[in-house]
Amino acid sequence: MHFSDIHMIMIGEEGEYGRRLVRYLETHLSTAIRVYHFTTTESFLAFKERADIYLLDEAFFQRLSEEKQNVLLREKRLILLTAQEEEGTFCKYHNPKELLDRLRRFSDEMEDLASREGRREEERVEGREEGREAARTRLTMIYSPVYEEKLKEIARSFMKEGDVYIGAEDLGYKENISAYGQGSDMGDLCYYIHLREEHVMDMMRDMLVREEDIEVLHPPDMYFYLRELTKEDYTWFFDKVRKEGTYREVFWGAGMGFVSDLDILRCFDRIILLDSRENIRLNLFCDRLEKVLNLRSFHQGAAEQKEQCQESFHQNTLWQEPVNSRREASGQESWKRVYKEDILNGTAW
């Protein structure tokens, strides 16, 4: 049988069945496929390598933490070994040849996925060779310094058909349904960003839910998941989003739980600062933040101009266009301040 995309199988079963299954698989599979058998969840969790297929006894699976269970289910590499016939599982009393057929189908699916990824990469390479640079996705943060229940609704006033809204807000909810199951949210995506999962964009696409003409990933139920990632983690992910170029623009709805350091703002192409005419304290905060952003923008522009002037001097160039004037000419707007009442009342435009 053909199992070119399966290199490691991990079995979790504490009884004799697991040992017999190991012997059967080692007899019928290629010697290039490694098969590991674990009789305790402690030894299973201590093993740091990642398998292509997990064959876990139902009771063994139930003893794992809920977090680990969710990870295995999302990765879609799990086959549960059960004592009776159930949809999506393998009954331990069936002929093990049926299990080999399941593994072969899985290998074929993985091969098809790899083939599609390969063609996509070839198209990107051909595009670069022909001098056609792929369109880059624009990243926009809509930032509310206080919790705003209608942040997604406000963001939609800036969005176009096919754009994506990712919720990185302080409070979330569990009501969305996606290919990853009910309750998938930004907290799930944080896990894969932290792992630096190479196919994180494919996983994100599976988690998105369609809402009219846009796609949405709802915020985590607690902002602590957002804080577990470093600036380097986010920079890595945002670079993936930009280079993939799948979407015209991705809107990142954020609150104070995400913006723990102003340096994170540098990761975005545009920042929309949400103010309120009815909240005096918020208004005061936005005034001060506006001054900080202006100051940082000035220093950054001055530093870039100084660097370019030095470069021009070494190249014996008489004059080079300043950075700020180029930004203004291109119409690029790094950040803007808006009032939620104007947007919700339809008077902003």
C-alpha atoms as a PDB file:
ATOM      1  CA  MET A   1       0.000   0.000   0.000  1.00  0.00           C
ATOM      2  CA  HIS A   2       1.008   3.601  -0.616  1.00  0.00           C
ATOM      3  CA  PHE A   3       1.696   5.640   2.537  1.00  0.00           C
ATOM      4  CA  SER A   4       4.212   8.210   1.306  1.00  0.00           C
ATOM      5  CA  ASP A   5       2.867  11.029   3.510  1.00  0.00           C
ATOM      6  CA  ILE A   6       2.823   9.060   6.765  1.00  0.00           C
ATOM      7  CA  HIS A   7       6.144   8.922   8.591  1.00  0.00           C
ATOM      8  CA  MET A   8       5.124   8.498  12.232  1.00  0.00           C
ATOM      9  CA  ILE A   9       2.153   6.907  14.007  1.00  0.00           C
ATOM     10  CA  MET A  10       1.537   7.228  17.752  1.00  0.00           C
ATOM     11  CA  ILE A  11      -0.704   4.709  19.528  1.00  0.00           C
ATOM     12  CA  GLY A  12      -2.183   5.450  22.950  1.00  0.00           C
ATOM     13  CA  GLU A  13      -3.708   2.322  24.528  1.00  0.00           C
ATOM     14  CA  GLU A  14      -2.873   0.730  27.864  1.00  0.00           C
ATOM     15  CA  GLY A  15      -3.941  -2.865  27.128  1.00  0.00           C
ATOM     16  CA  GLU A  16      -2.874  -5.786  24.988  1.00  0.00           C
ATOM     17  CA  TYR A  17      -4.703  -4.428  21.941  1.00  0.00           C
ATOM     18  CA  GLY A  18      -2.173  -1.615  21.562  1.00  0.00           C
ATOM     19  CA  ARG A  19       0.766  -4.037  21.566  1.00  0.00           C
ATOM     20  CA  ARG A  20      -0.912  -6.276  18.979  1.00  0.00           C
ATOM     21  CA  LEU A  21      -1.713  -3.258  16.813  1.00  0.00           C
ATOM     22  CA  VAL A  22       1.942  -2.185  16.866  1.00  0.00           C
ATOM     23  CA  ARG A  23       3.048  -5.618  15.640  1.00  0.00           C
ATOM     24  CA  TYR A  24       0.383  -5.636  12.920  1.00  0.00           C
ATOM     25  CA  LEU A  25       1.302  -2.181  11.599  1.00  0.00           C
ATOM     26  CA  GLU A  26       5.023  -2.898  11.663  1.00  0.00           C
ATOM     27  CA  THR A  27       4.348  -6.033   9.613  1.00  0.00           C
ATOM     28  CA  HIS A  28       2.151  -4.378   6.984  1.00  0.00           C
ATOM     29  CA  LEU A  29       3.650  -0.906   6.721  1.00  0.00           C
ATOM     30  CA  SER A  30       6.931   0.265   5.276  1.00  0.00           C
ATOM     31  CA  THR A  31       9.931   0.146   7.591  1.00  0.00           C
ATOM     32  CA  ALA A  32      10.290   3.904   6.954  1.00  0.00           C
ATOM     33  CA  ILE A  33       7.161   4.508   9.074  1.00  0.00           C
ATOM     34  CA  ARG A  34       7.883   4.736  12.802  1.00  0.00           C
ATOM     35  CA  VAL A  35       5.233   3.354  15.160  1.00  0.00           C
ATOM     36  CA  TYR A  36       5.285   4.319  18.859  1.00  0.00           C
ATOM     37  CA  HIS A  37       3.090   2.819  21.569  1.00  0.00           C
ATOM     38  CA  PHE A  38       2.260   4.620  24.837  1.00  0.00           C
ATOM     39  CA  THR A  39       0.472   2.981  27.747  1.00  0.00           C
ATOM     40  CA  THR A  40       0.205   6.125  29.918  1.00  0.00           C
ATOM     41  CA  THR A  41      -0.852   9.666  29.142  1.00  0.00           C
ATOM     42  CA  GLU A  42       2.232  10.943  31.004  1.00  0.00           C
ATOM     43  CA  SER A  43       4.642   9.227  28.614  1.00  0.00           C
ATOM     44  CA  PHE A  44       2.487  10.261  25.646  1.00  0.00           C
ATOM     45  CA  LEU A  45       2.583  13.939  26.622  1.00  0.00           C
ATOM     46  CA  ALA A  46       6.299  13.813  27.442  1.00  0.00           C
ATOM     47  CA  PHE A  47       7.078  12.724  23.873  1.00  0.00           C
ATOM     48  CA  LYS A  48       7.842  15.975  22.051  1.00  0.00           C
ATOM     49  CA  GLU A  49       7.743  14.850  18.422  1.00  0.00           C
ATOM     50  CA  ARG A  50       4.601  15.368  16.356  1.00  0.00           C
ATOM     51  CA  ALA A  51       2.981  12.371  14.673  1.00  0.00           C
ATOM     52  CA  ASP A  52       1.250  12.236  11.312  1.00  0.00           C
ATOM     53  CA  ILE A  53      -1.480   9.983  12.753  1.00  0.00           C
ATOM     54  CA  TYR A  54      -2.688   9.440  16.329  1.00  0.00           C
ATOM     55  CA  LEU A  55      -4.492   6.164  17.133  1.00  0.00           C
ATOM     56  CA  LEU A  56      -5.873   6.676  20.638  1.00  0.00           C
ATOM     57  CA  ASP A  57      -8.108   4.462  22.723  1.00  0.00           C
ATOM     58  CA  GLU A  58     -11.266   6.331  23.706  1.00  0.00           C
ATOM     59  CA  ALA A  59     -10.555   6.052  27.444  1.00  0.00           C
ATOM     60  CA  PHE A  60      -6.924   7.092  26.866  1.00  0.00           C
ATOM     61  CA  PHE A  61      -8.127  10.164  24.949  1.00  0.00           C
ATOM     62  CA  GLN A  62     -10.574  11.130  27.713  1.00  0.00           C
ATOM     63  CA  ARG A  63      -7.746  11.201  30.270  1.00  0.00           C
ATOM     64  CA  LEU A  64      -5.936  13.916  28.313  1.00  0.00           C
ATOM     65  CA  SER A  65      -6.512  17.559  29.195  1.00  0.00           C
ATOM     66  CA  GLU A  66      -9.316  19.369  27.390  1.00  0.00           C
ATOM     67  CA  GLU A  67      -6.750  21.635  25.736  1.00  0.00           C
ATOM     68  CA  LYS A  68      -4.793  18.670  24.337  1.00  0.00           C
ATOM     69  CA  GLN A  69      -8.018  17.023  23.166  1.00  0.00           C
ATOM     70  CA  ASN A  70      -9.001  20.167  21.267  1.00  0.00           C
ATOM     71  CA  VAL A  71      -5.579  20.376  19.614  1.00  0.00           C
ATOM     72  CA  LEU A  72      -5.782  16.774  18.393  1.00  0.00           C
ATOM     73  CA  LEU A  73      -9.310  17.274  17.081  1.00  0.00           C
ATOM     74  CA  ARG A  74      -8.420  20.487  15.232  1.00  0.00           C
ATOM     75  CA  GLU A  75      -5.386  18.962  13.546  1.00  0.00           C
ATOM     76  CA  LYS A  76      -7.628  16.254  12.052  1.00  0.00           C
ATOM     77  CA  ARG A  77      -4.925  13.587  12.521  1.00  0.00           C
ATOM     78  CA  LEU A  78      -6.793  11.573  15.154  1.00  0.00           C
ATOM     79  CA  ILE A  79      -8.539   8.196  14.880  1.00  0.00           C
ATOM     80  CA  LEU A  80     -10.288   7.066  18.058  1.00  0.00           C
ATOM     81  CA  LEU A  81     -10.189   3.340  18.882  1.00  0.00           C
ATOM     82  CA  THR A  82     -13.565   2.351  20.344  1.00  0.00           C
ATOM     83  CA  ALA A  83     -15.241  -0.792  21.666  1.00  0.00           C
ATOM     84  CA  GLN A  84     -18.306  -0.312  19.470  1.00  0.00           C
ATOM     85  CA  GLU A  85     -19.073   1.063  16.039  1.00  0.00           C
ATOM     86  CA  GLU A  86     -19.317   4.856  16.010  1.00  0.00           C
ATOM     87  CA  GLU A  87     -19.142   7.269  13.119  1.00  0.00           C
ATOM     88  CA  GLY A  88     -15.664   8.699  12.603  1.00  0.00           C
ATOM     89  CA  THR A  89     -13.951   6.103  14.838  1.00  0.00           C
ATOM     90  CA  PHE A  90     -12.425   2.650  14.349  1.00  0.00           C
ATOM     91  CA  CYS A  91     -13.947  -0.282  16.226  1.00  0.00           C
ATOM     92  CA  LYS A  92     -11.248  -2.442  17.821  1.00  0.00           C
ATOM     93  CA  TYR A  93     -13.190  -5.610  16.936  1.00  0.00           C
ATOM     94  CA  HIS A  94     -13.058  -4.922  13.204  1.00  0.00           C
ATOM     95  CA  ASN A  95     -10.471  -6.384  10.845  1.00  0.00           C
ATOM     96  CA  PRO A  96      -7.301  -4.231  11.147  1.00  0.00           C
ATOM     97  CA  LYS A  97      -7.123  -4.251   7.341  1.00  0.00           C
ATOM     98  CA  GLU A  98      -9.930  -1.664   7.469  1.00  0.00           C
ATOM     99  CA  LEU A  99      -7.627   0.538   9.522  1.00  0.00           C
ATOM    100  CA  LEU A 100      -4.957   0.253   6.822  1.00  0.00           C
ATOM    101  CA  ASP A 101      -7.538   1.453   4.299  1.00  0.00           C
ATOM    102  CA  ARG A 102      -8.273   4.464   6.523  1.00  0.00           C
ATOM    103  CA  LEU A 103      -4.561   5.266   6.725  1.00  0.00           C
ATOM    104  CA  ARG A 104      -4.173   4.956   2.958  1.00  0.00           C
ATOM    105  CA  ARG A 105      -7.051   7.396   2.343  1.00  0.00           C
ATOM    106  CA  PHE A 106      -5.504   9.818   4.808  1.00  0.00           C
ATOM    107  CA  SER A 107      -2.157   9.583   3.010  1.00  0.00           C
ATOM    108  CA  ASP A 108      -3.848  10.291  -0.329  1.00  0.00           C
ATOM    109  CA  GLU A 109      -5.561  13.372   1.132  1.00  0.00           C
ATOM    110  CA  MET A 110      -2.253  14.649   2.512  1.00  0.00           C
ATOM    111  CA  GLU A 111      -0.597  14.064  -0.858  1.00  0.00           C
ATOM    112  CA  ASP A 112      -3.330  16.042  -2.639  1.00  0.00           C
ATOM    113  CA  LEU A 113      -2.914  18.894  -0.153  1.00  0.00           C
ATOM    114  CA  ALA A 114       0.869  18.904  -0.638  1.00  0.00           C
ATOM    115  CA  SER A 115       0.377  18.893  -4.404  1.00  0.00           C
ATOM    116  CA  ARG A 116      -1.941  21.915  -4.243  1.00  0.00           C
ATOM    117  CA  GLU A 117       0.523  23.739  -1.992  1.00  0.00           C
ATOM    118  CA  GLY A 118       3.315  22.901  -4.439  1.00  0.00           C
ATOM    119  CA  ARG A 119       1.366  24.278  -7.401  1.00  0.00           C
ATOM    120  CA  ARG A 120       0.535  27.416  -5.449  1.00  0.00           C
ATOM    121  CA  GLU A 121       4.211  27.952  -4.627  1.00  0.00           C
ATOM    122  CA  GLU A 122       5.200  27.346  -8.267  1.00  0.00           C
ATOM    123  CA  GLU A 123       2.698  29.970  -9.376  1.00  0.00           C
ATOM    124  CA  ARG A 124       4.140  32.449  -6.876  1.00  0.00           C
ATOM    125  CA  VAL A 125       7.689  31.742  -8.095  1.00  0.00           C
ATOM    126  CA  GLU A 126       6.654  32.078 -11.744  1.00  0.00           C
ATOM    127  CA  GLY A 127       4.950  35.354 -10.942  1.00  0.00           C
ATOM    128  CA  ARG A 128       8.125  36.720  -9.368  1.00  0.00           C
ATOM    129  CA  GLU A 129      10.240  35.518 -12.294  1.00  0.00           C
ATOM    130  CA  GLU A 130       7.980  37.340 -14.735  1.00  0.00           C
ATOM    131  CA  GLY A 131       8.301  40.506 -12.690  1.00  0.00           C
ATOM    132  CA  ARG A 132       4.733  40.371 -11.397  1.00  0.00           C
ATOM    133  CA  GLU A 133       4.885  40.874  -7.669  1.00  0.00           C
ATOM    134  CA  ALA A 134       1.909  39.341  -5.869  1.00  0.00           C
ATOM    135  CA  ALA A 135      -0.471  41.781  -4.205  1.00  0.00           C
ATOM    136  CA  ARG A 136       0.242  42.166  -0.510  1.00  0.00           C
ATOM    137  CA  THR A 137      -2.522  42.170   2.060  1.00  0.00           C
ATOM    138  CA  ARG A 138      -2.986  45.429   3.946  1.00  0.00           C
ATOM    139  CA  LEU A 139      -3.152  45.187   7.749  1.00  0.00           C
ATOM    140  CA  THR A 140      -5.377  47.677   9.564  1.00  0.00           C
ATOM    141  CA  MET A 141      -5.873  47.849  13.323  1.00  0.00           C
ATOM    142  CA  ILE A 142      -9.065  49.351  14.668  1.00  0.00           C
ATOM    143  CA  TYR A 143      -8.135  50.125  18.253  1.00  0.00           C
ATOM    144  CA  SER A 144     -10.550  50.914  21.076  1.00  0.00           C
ATOM    145  CA  PRO A 145      -8.763  51.820  24.349  1.00  0.00           C
ATOM    146  CA  VAL A 146     -11.935  50.827  26.251  1.00  0.00           C
ATOM    147  CA  TYR A 147     -14.090  47.783  25.617  1.00  0.00           C
ATOM    148  CA  GLU A 148     -16.437  48.484  22.717  1.00  0.00           C
ATOM    149  CA  GLU A 149     -19.169  45.911  22.144  1.00  0.00           C
ATOM    150  CA  LYS A 150     -19.839  47.180  18.604  1.00  0.00           C
ATOM    151  CA  LEU A 151     -16.211  47.236  17.468  1.00  0.00           C
ATOM    152  CA  LYS A 152     -16.838  44.744  14.658  1.00  0.00           C
ATOM    153  CA  GLU A 153     -19.866  46.735  13.478  1.00  0.00           C
ATOM    154  CA  ILE A 154     -17.764  49.908  13.457  1.00  0.00           C
ATOM    155  CA  ALA A 155     -14.964  48.147  11.577  1.00  0.00           C
ATOM    156  CA  ARG A 156     -17.434  47.061   8.889  1.00  0.00           C
ATOM    157  CA  SER A 157     -17.953  50.692   7.896  1.00  0.00           C
ATOM    158  CA  PHE A 158     -14.339  50.673   6.650  1.00  0.00           C
ATOM    159  CA  MET A 159     -14.423  47.195   5.074  1.00  0.00           C
ATOM    160  CA  LYS A 160     -15.160  46.000   1.549  1.00  0.00           C
ATOM    161  CA  GLU A 161     -16.476  42.696   0.253  1.00  0.00           C
ATOM    162  CA  GLY A 162     -14.077  39.825   0.934  1.00  0.00           C
ATOM    163  CA  ASP A 163     -12.174  41.610   3.715  1.00  0.00           C
ATOM    164  CA  VAL A 164     -11.437  39.806   6.980  1.00  0.00           C
ATOM    165  CA  TYR A 165     -12.125  40.906  10.546  1.00  0.00           C
ATOM    166  CA  ILE A 166     -10.017  39.254  13.272  1.00  0.00           C
ATOM    167  CA  GLY A 167     -11.172  39.861  16.825  1.00  0.00           C
ATOM    168  CA  ALA A 168      -8.364  40.609  19.267  1.00  0.00           C
ATOM    169  CA  GLU A 169     -10.723  42.293  21.711  1.00  0.00           C
ATOM    170  CA  ASP A 170     -10.724  42.079  25.498  1.00  0.00           C
ATOM    171  CA  LEU A 171     -13.944  40.023  25.712  1.00  0.00           C
ATOM    172  CA  GLY A 172     -15.242  37.314  23.403  1.00  0.00           C
ATOM    173  CA  TYR A 173     -18.063  34.835  23.061  1.00  0.00           C
ATOM    174  CA  LYS A 174     -18.611  31.249  21.927  1.00  0.00           C
ATOM    175  CA  GLU A 175     -21.312  31.322  19.302  1.00  0.00           C
ATOM    176  CA  ASN A 176     -19.550  30.936  15.958  1.00  0.00           C
ATOM    177  CA  ILE A 177     -19.347  27.696  14.002  1.00  0.00           C
ATOM    178  CA  SER A 178     -16.549  26.965  11.515  1.00  0.00           C
ATOM    179  CA  ALA A 179     -14.760  23.995   9.971  1.00  0.00           C
ATOM    180  CA  TYR A 180     -12.860  23.680  13.256  1.00  0.00           C
ATOM    181  CA  GLY A 181     -16.099  23.167  15.155  1.00  0.00           C
ATOM    182  CA  GLN A 182     -18.306  25.295  17.350  1.00  0.00           C
ATOM    183  CA  GLY A 183     -16.464  27.864  19.414  1.00  0.00           C
ATOM    184  CA  SER A 184     -13.347  28.379  17.257  1.00  0.00           C
ATOM    185  CA  ASP A 185     -11.905  31.817  17.922  1.00  0.00           C
ATOM    186  CA  MET A 186      -8.727  33.886  18.051  1.00  0.00           C
ATOM    187  CA  GLY A 187      -7.597  31.911  21.099  1.00  0.00           C
ATOM    188  CA  ASP A 188      -7.328  28.812  18.897  1.00  0.00           C
ATOM    189  CA  LEU A 189      -5.338  30.694  16.274  1.00  0.00           C
ATOM    190  CA  CYS A 190      -2.975  32.014  18.978  1.00  0.00           C
ATOM    191  CA  TYR A 191      -1.926  28.430  19.696  1.00  0.00           C
ATOM    192  CA  TYR A 192      -0.773  27.860  16.113  1.00  0.00           C
ATOM    193  CA  ILE A 193       0.912  31.256  15.900  1.00  0.00           C
ATOM    194  CA  HIS A 194       2.887  30.382  19.026  1.00  0.00           C
ATOM    195  CA  LEU A 195       3.947  27.078  17.399  1.00  0.00           C
ATOM    196  CA  ARG A 196       4.970  28.994  14.241  1.00  0.00           C
ATOM    197  CA  GLU A 197       2.841  26.497  12.326  1.00  0.00           C
ATOM    198  CA  GLU A 198       3.885  26.716   8.661  1.00  0.00           C
ATOM    199  CA  HIS A 199       0.305  26.246   7.396  1.00  0.00           C
ATOM    200  CA  VAL A 200      -1.196  28.753   9.818  1.00  0.00           C
ATOM    201  CA  MET A 201      -2.962  30.619   6.991  1.00  0.00           C
ATOM    202  CA  ASP A 202      -4.796  27.455   5.911  1.00  0.00           C
ATOM    203  CA  MET A 203      -5.844  26.902   9.523  1.00  0.00           C
ATOM    204  CA  MET A 204      -7.041  30.487   9.815  1.00  0.00           C
ATOM    205  CA  ARG A 205      -9.137  30.095   6.662  1.00  0.00           C
ATOM    206  CA  ASP A 206     -10.812  27.035   8.188  1.00  0.00           C
ATOM    207  CA  MET A 207     -11.657  28.999  11.338  1.00  0.00           C
ATOM    208  CA  LEU A 208     -13.201  31.997   9.561  1.00  0.00           C
ATOM    209  CA  VAL A 209     -16.981  32.272   9.415  1.00  0.00           C
ATOM    210  CA  ARG A 210     -18.897  34.113   6.718  1.00  0.00           C
ATOM    211  CA  GLU A 211     -20.993  37.089   7.822  1.00  0.00           C
ATOM    212  CA  GLU A 212     -22.751  38.597   4.815  1.00  0.00           C
ATOM    213  CA  ASP A 213     -19.961  39.884   2.554  1.00  0.00           C
ATOM    214  CA  ILE A 214     -16.994  39.594   4.956  1.00  0.00           C
ATOM    215  CA  GLU A 215     -15.241  36.829   6.892  1.00  0.00           C
ATOM    216  CA  VAL A 216     -14.806  36.901  10.659  1.00  0.00           C
ATOM    217  CA  LEU A 217     -12.708  35.262  13.355  1.00  0.00           C
ATOM    218  CA  HIS A 218     -14.289  36.031  16.720  1.00  0.00           C
ATOM    219  CA  PRO A 219     -12.212  37.177  19.727  1.00  0.00           C
ATOM    220  CA  PRO A 220     -11.087  34.752  22.453  1.00  0.00           C
ATOM    221  CA  ASP A 221     -13.219  34.451  25.565  1.00  0.00           C
ATOM    222  CA  MET A 222     -10.291  35.906  27.555  1.00  0.00           C
ATOM    223  CA  TYR A 223      -7.590  38.285  26.358  1.00  0.00           C
ATOM    224  CA  PHE A 224      -4.900  36.302  28.239  1.00  0.00           C
ATOM    225  CA  TYR A 225      -4.420  34.178  25.114  1.00  0.00           C
ATOM    226  CA  LEU A 226      -3.374  37.316  23.238  1.00  0.00           C
ATOM    227  CA  ARG A 227      -0.853  38.230  25.940  1.00  0.00           C
ATOM    228  CA  GLU A 228       0.843  34.814  25.734  1.00  0.00           C
ATOM    229  CA  LEU A 229       2.260  35.712  22.317  1.00  0.00           C
ATOM    230  CA  THR A 230       5.341  37.889  21.944  1.00  0.00           C
ATOM    231  CA  LYS A 231       5.803  40.754  19.526  1.00  0.00           C
ATOM    232  CA  GLU A 232       8.049  38.416  17.520  1.00  0.00           C
ATOM    233  CA  ASP A 233       5.207  35.876  17.297  1.00  0.00           C
ATOM    234  CA  TYR A 234       2.828  38.520  15.971  1.00  0.00           C
ATOM    235  CA  THR A 235       5.432  39.908  13.566  1.00  0.00           C
ATOM    236  CA  TRP A 236       5.947  36.410  12.147  1.00  0.00           C
ATOM    237  CA  PHE A 237       2.189  35.942  11.687  1.00  0.00           C
ATOM    238  CA  PHE A 238       1.563  39.376  10.164  1.00  0.00           C
ATOM    239  CA  ASP A 239       4.385  38.737   7.697  1.00  0.00           C
ATOM    240  CA  LYS A 240       2.594  35.533   6.678  1.00  0.00           C
ATOM    241  CA  VAL A 241      -0.671  37.427   6.184  1.00  0.00           C
ATOM    242  CA  ARG A 242       0.959  40.098   4.023  1.00  0.00           C
ATOM    243  CA  LYS A 243       2.956  37.729   1.831  1.00  0.00           C
ATOM    244  CA  GLU A 244       0.050  35.340   1.297  1.00  0.00           C
ATOM    245  CA  GLY A 245      -1.864  38.164  -0.367  1.00  0.00           C
ATOM    246  CA  THR A 246      -5.138  36.215  -0.225  1.00  0.00           C
ATOM    247  CA  TYR A 247      -7.168  39.139   1.093  1.00  0.00           C
ATOM    248  CA  ARG A 248      -7.312  42.790   0.102  1.00  0.00           C
ATOM    249  CA  GLU A 249      -7.322  43.941   3.714  1.00  0.00           C
ATOM    250  CA  VAL A 250      -7.368  42.313   7.148  1.00  0.00           C
ATOM    251  CA  PHE A 251      -8.870  44.348  10.000  1.00  0.00           C
ATOM    252  CA  TRP A 252      -7.551  43.623  13.480  1.00  0.00           C
ATOM    253  CA  GLY A 253     -10.083  44.681  16.128  1.00  0.00           C
ATOM    254  CA  ALA A 254      -8.114  45.293  19.325  1.00  0.00           C
ATOM    255  CA  GLY A 255      -8.505  46.565  22.867  1.00  0.00           C
ATOM    256  CA  MET A 256      -6.167  47.254  25.773  1.00  0.00           C
ATOM    257  CA  GLY A 257      -5.603  43.533  26.327  1.00  0.00           C
ATOM    258  CA  PHE A 258      -3.744  43.353  23.014  1.00  0.00           C
ATOM    259  CA  VAL A 259      -1.966  46.717  23.091  1.00  0.00           C
ATOM    260  CA  SER A 260       0.291  46.140  26.086  1.00  0.00           C
ATOM    261  CA  ASP A 261       3.149  47.992  24.361  1.00  0.00           C
ATOM    262  CA  LEU A 262       2.906  50.772  21.786  1.00  0.00           C
ATOM    263  CA  ASP A 263       5.653  49.112  19.755  1.00  0.00           C
ATOM    264  CA  ILE A 264       3.083  46.553  18.588  1.00  0.00           C
ATOM    265  CA  LEU A 265       1.432  49.363  16.604  1.00  0.00           C
ATOM    266  CA  ARG A 266       4.411  49.349  14.247  1.00  0.00           C
ATOM    267  CA  CYS A 267       3.222  45.987  12.909  1.00  0.00           C
ATOM    268  CA  PHE A 268       0.241  47.583  11.132  1.00  0.00           C
ATOM    269  CA  ASP A 269      -0.040  49.533   7.895  1.00  0.00           C
ATOM    270  CA  ARG A 270      -2.867  51.668   9.248  1.00  0.00           C
ATOM    271  CA  ILE A 271      -4.336  52.357  12.700  1.00  0.00           C
ATOM    272  CA  ILE A 272      -7.892  53.565  13.296  1.00  0.00           C
ATOM    273  CA  LEU A 273      -8.140  55.016  16.806  1.00  0.00           C
ATOM    274  CA  LEU A 274     -11.687  54.835  18.149  1.00  0.00           C
ATOM    275  CA  ASP A 275     -12.737  57.785  20.328  1.00  0.00           C
ATOM    276  CA  SER A 276     -16.080  58.828  21.834  1.00  0.00           C
ATOM    277  CA  ARG A 277     -17.644  62.260  22.178  1.00  0.00           C
ATOM    278  CA  GLU A 278     -19.552  61.035  25.242  1.00  0.00           C
ATOM    279  CA  ASN A 279     -16.618  59.609  27.221  1.00  0.00           C
ATOM    280  CA  ILE A 280     -14.468  62.419  28.612  1.00  0.00           C
ATOM    281  CA  ARG A 281     -11.773  60.123  29.992  1.00  0.00           C
ATOM    282  CA  LEU A 282     -11.473  58.244  26.713  1.00  0.00           C
ATOM    283  CA  ASN A 283     -11.316  61.547  24.870  1.00  0.00           C
ATOM    284  CA  LEU A 284      -8.465  62.712  27.097  1.00  0.00           C
ATOM    285  CA  PHE A 285      -6.597  59.436  26.613  1.00  0.00           C
ATOM    286  CA  CYS A 286      -6.944  59.680  22.827  1.00  0.00           C
ATOM    287  CA  ASP A 287      -5.637  63.261  22.934  1.00  0.00           C
ATOM    288  CA  ARG A 288      -2.499  62.091  24.699  1.00  0.00           C
ATOM    289  CA  LEU A 289      -2.079  59.009  22.531  1.00  0.00           C
ATOM    290  CA  GLU A 290      -2.460  61.171  19.447  1.00  0.00           C
ATOM    291  CA  LYS A 291       0.460  63.313  20.609  1.00  0.00           C
ATOM    292  CA  VAL A 292       2.573  60.214  21.221  1.00  0.00           C
ATOM    293  CA  LEU A 293       1.776  58.834  17.765  1.00  0.00           C
ATOM    294  CA  ASN A 294       2.575  62.173  16.140  1.00  0.00           C
ATOM    295  CA  LEU A 295       5.838  62.382  18.063  1.00  0.00           C
ATOM    296  CA  ARG A 296       6.847  58.848  17.144  1.00  0.00           C
ATOM    297  CA  SER A 297       5.917  59.441  13.523  1.00  0.00           C
ATOM    298  CA  PHE A 298       8.051  62.602  13.486  1.00  0.00           C
ATOM    299  CA  HIS A 299      11.088  60.869  15.005  1.00  0.00           C
ATOM    300  CA  GLN A 300      10.713  57.872  12.720  1.00  0.00           C
ATOM    301  CA  GLY A 301      10.454  60.087   9.655  1.00  0.00           C
ATOM    302  CA  ALA A 302      13.446  62.145  10.786  1.00  0.00           C
ATOM    303  CA  ALA A 303      15.520  59.010  11.337  1.00  0.00           C
ATOM    304  CA  GLU A 304      14.598  57.666   7.891  1.00  0.00           C
ATOM    305  CA  GLN A 305      15.450  60.969   6.245  1.00  0.00           C
ATOM    306  CA  LYS A 306      18.800  61.097   8.062  1.00  0.00           C
ATOM    307  CA  GLU A 307      19.618  57.560   6.945  1.00  0.00           C
ATOM    308  CA  GLN A 308      18.691  58.333   3.347  1.00  0.00           C
ATOM    309  CA  CYS A 309      20.686  61.560   3.367  1.00  0.00           C
ATOM    310  CA  GLN A 310      23.747  59.656   4.537  1.00  0.00           C
ATOM    311  CA  GLU A 311      23.188  57.045   1.841  1.00  0.00           C
ATOM    312  CA  SER A 312      22.759  59.745  -0.792  1.00  0.00           C
ATOM    313  CA  PHE A 313      25.990  61.440   0.324  1.00  0.00           C
ATOM    314  CA  HIS A 314      27.960  58.215  -0.063  1.00  0.00           C
ATOM    315  CA  GLN A 315      26.432  57.703  -3.517  1.00  0.00           C
ATOM    316  CA  ASN A 316      27.262  61.306  -4.527  1.00  0.00           C
ATOM    317  CA  THR A 317      23.570  62.008  -5.060  1.00  0.00           C
ATOM    318  CA  LEU A 318      22.719  65.710  -4.908  1.00  0.00           C
ATOM    319  CA  TRP A 319      19.132  65.340  -3.685  1.00  0.00           C
ATOM    320  CA  GLN A 320      16.649  62.640  -2.752  1.00  0.00           C
ATOM    321  CA  GLU A 321      12.925  63.030  -2.092  1.00  0.00           C
ATOM    322  CA  PRO A 322      12.135  63.106   1.661  1.00  0.00           C
ATOM    323  CA  VAL A 323      10.273  60.179   3.154  1.00  0.00           C
ATOM    324  CA  ASN A 324       7.327  62.213   4.472  1.00  0.00           C
ATOM    325  CA  SER A 325       6.669  63.895   1.135  1.00  0.00           C
ATOM    326  CA  ARG A 326       6.588  60.517  -0.592  1.00  0.00           C
ATOM    327  CA  ARG A 327       4.027  59.259   1.940  1.00  0.00           C
ATOM    328  CA  GLU A 328       1.811  62.291   1.394  1.00  0.00           C
ATOM    329  CA  ALA A 329       2.072  61.973  -2.368  1.00  0.00           C
ATOM    330  CA  SER A 330       1.067  58.316  -2.289  1.00  0.00           C
ATOM    331  CA  GLY A 331      -1.935  59.083  -0.099  1.00  0.00           C
ATOM    332  CA  GLN A 332      -0.799  56.630   2.570  1.00  0.00           C
ATOM    333  CA  GLU A 333      -2.356  57.357   5.952  1.00  0.00           C
ATOM    334  CA  SER A 334      -0.637  55.595   8.839  1.00  0.00           C
ATOM    335  CA  TRP A 335      -3.370  56.328  11.394  1.00  0.00           C
ATOM    336  CA  LYS A 336      -6.590  58.260  11.898  1.00  0.00           C
ATOM    337  CA  ARG A 337      -8.873  59.128  14.817  1.00  0.00           C
ATOM    338  CA  VAL A 338     -12.613  58.558  14.500  1.00  0.00           C
ATOM    339  CA  TYR A 339     -15.624  58.964  16.795  1.00  0.00           C
ATOM    340  CA  LYS A 340     -17.873  55.968  17.281  1.00  0.00           C
ATOM    341  CA  GLU A 341     -21.041  58.082  17.527  1.00  0.00           C
ATOM    342  CA  ASP A 342     -20.417  59.538  14.061  1.00  0.00           C
ATOM    343  CA  ILE A 343     -20.005  56.070  12.555  1.00  0.00           C
ATOM    344  CA  LEU A 344     -22.932  54.398  14.322  1.00  0.00           C
ATOM    345  CA  ASN A 345     -25.210  57.351  13.524  1.00  0.00           C
ATOM    346  CA  GLY A 346     -24.091  57.380   9.909  1.00  0.00           C
ATOM    347  CA  THR A 347     -22.782  60.954  10.079  1.00  0.00           C
ATOM    348  CA  ALA A 348     -19.062  60.184   9.737  1.00  0.00           C
ATOM    349  CA  TRP A 349     -19.137  60.554   5.974  1.00  0.00           C
END
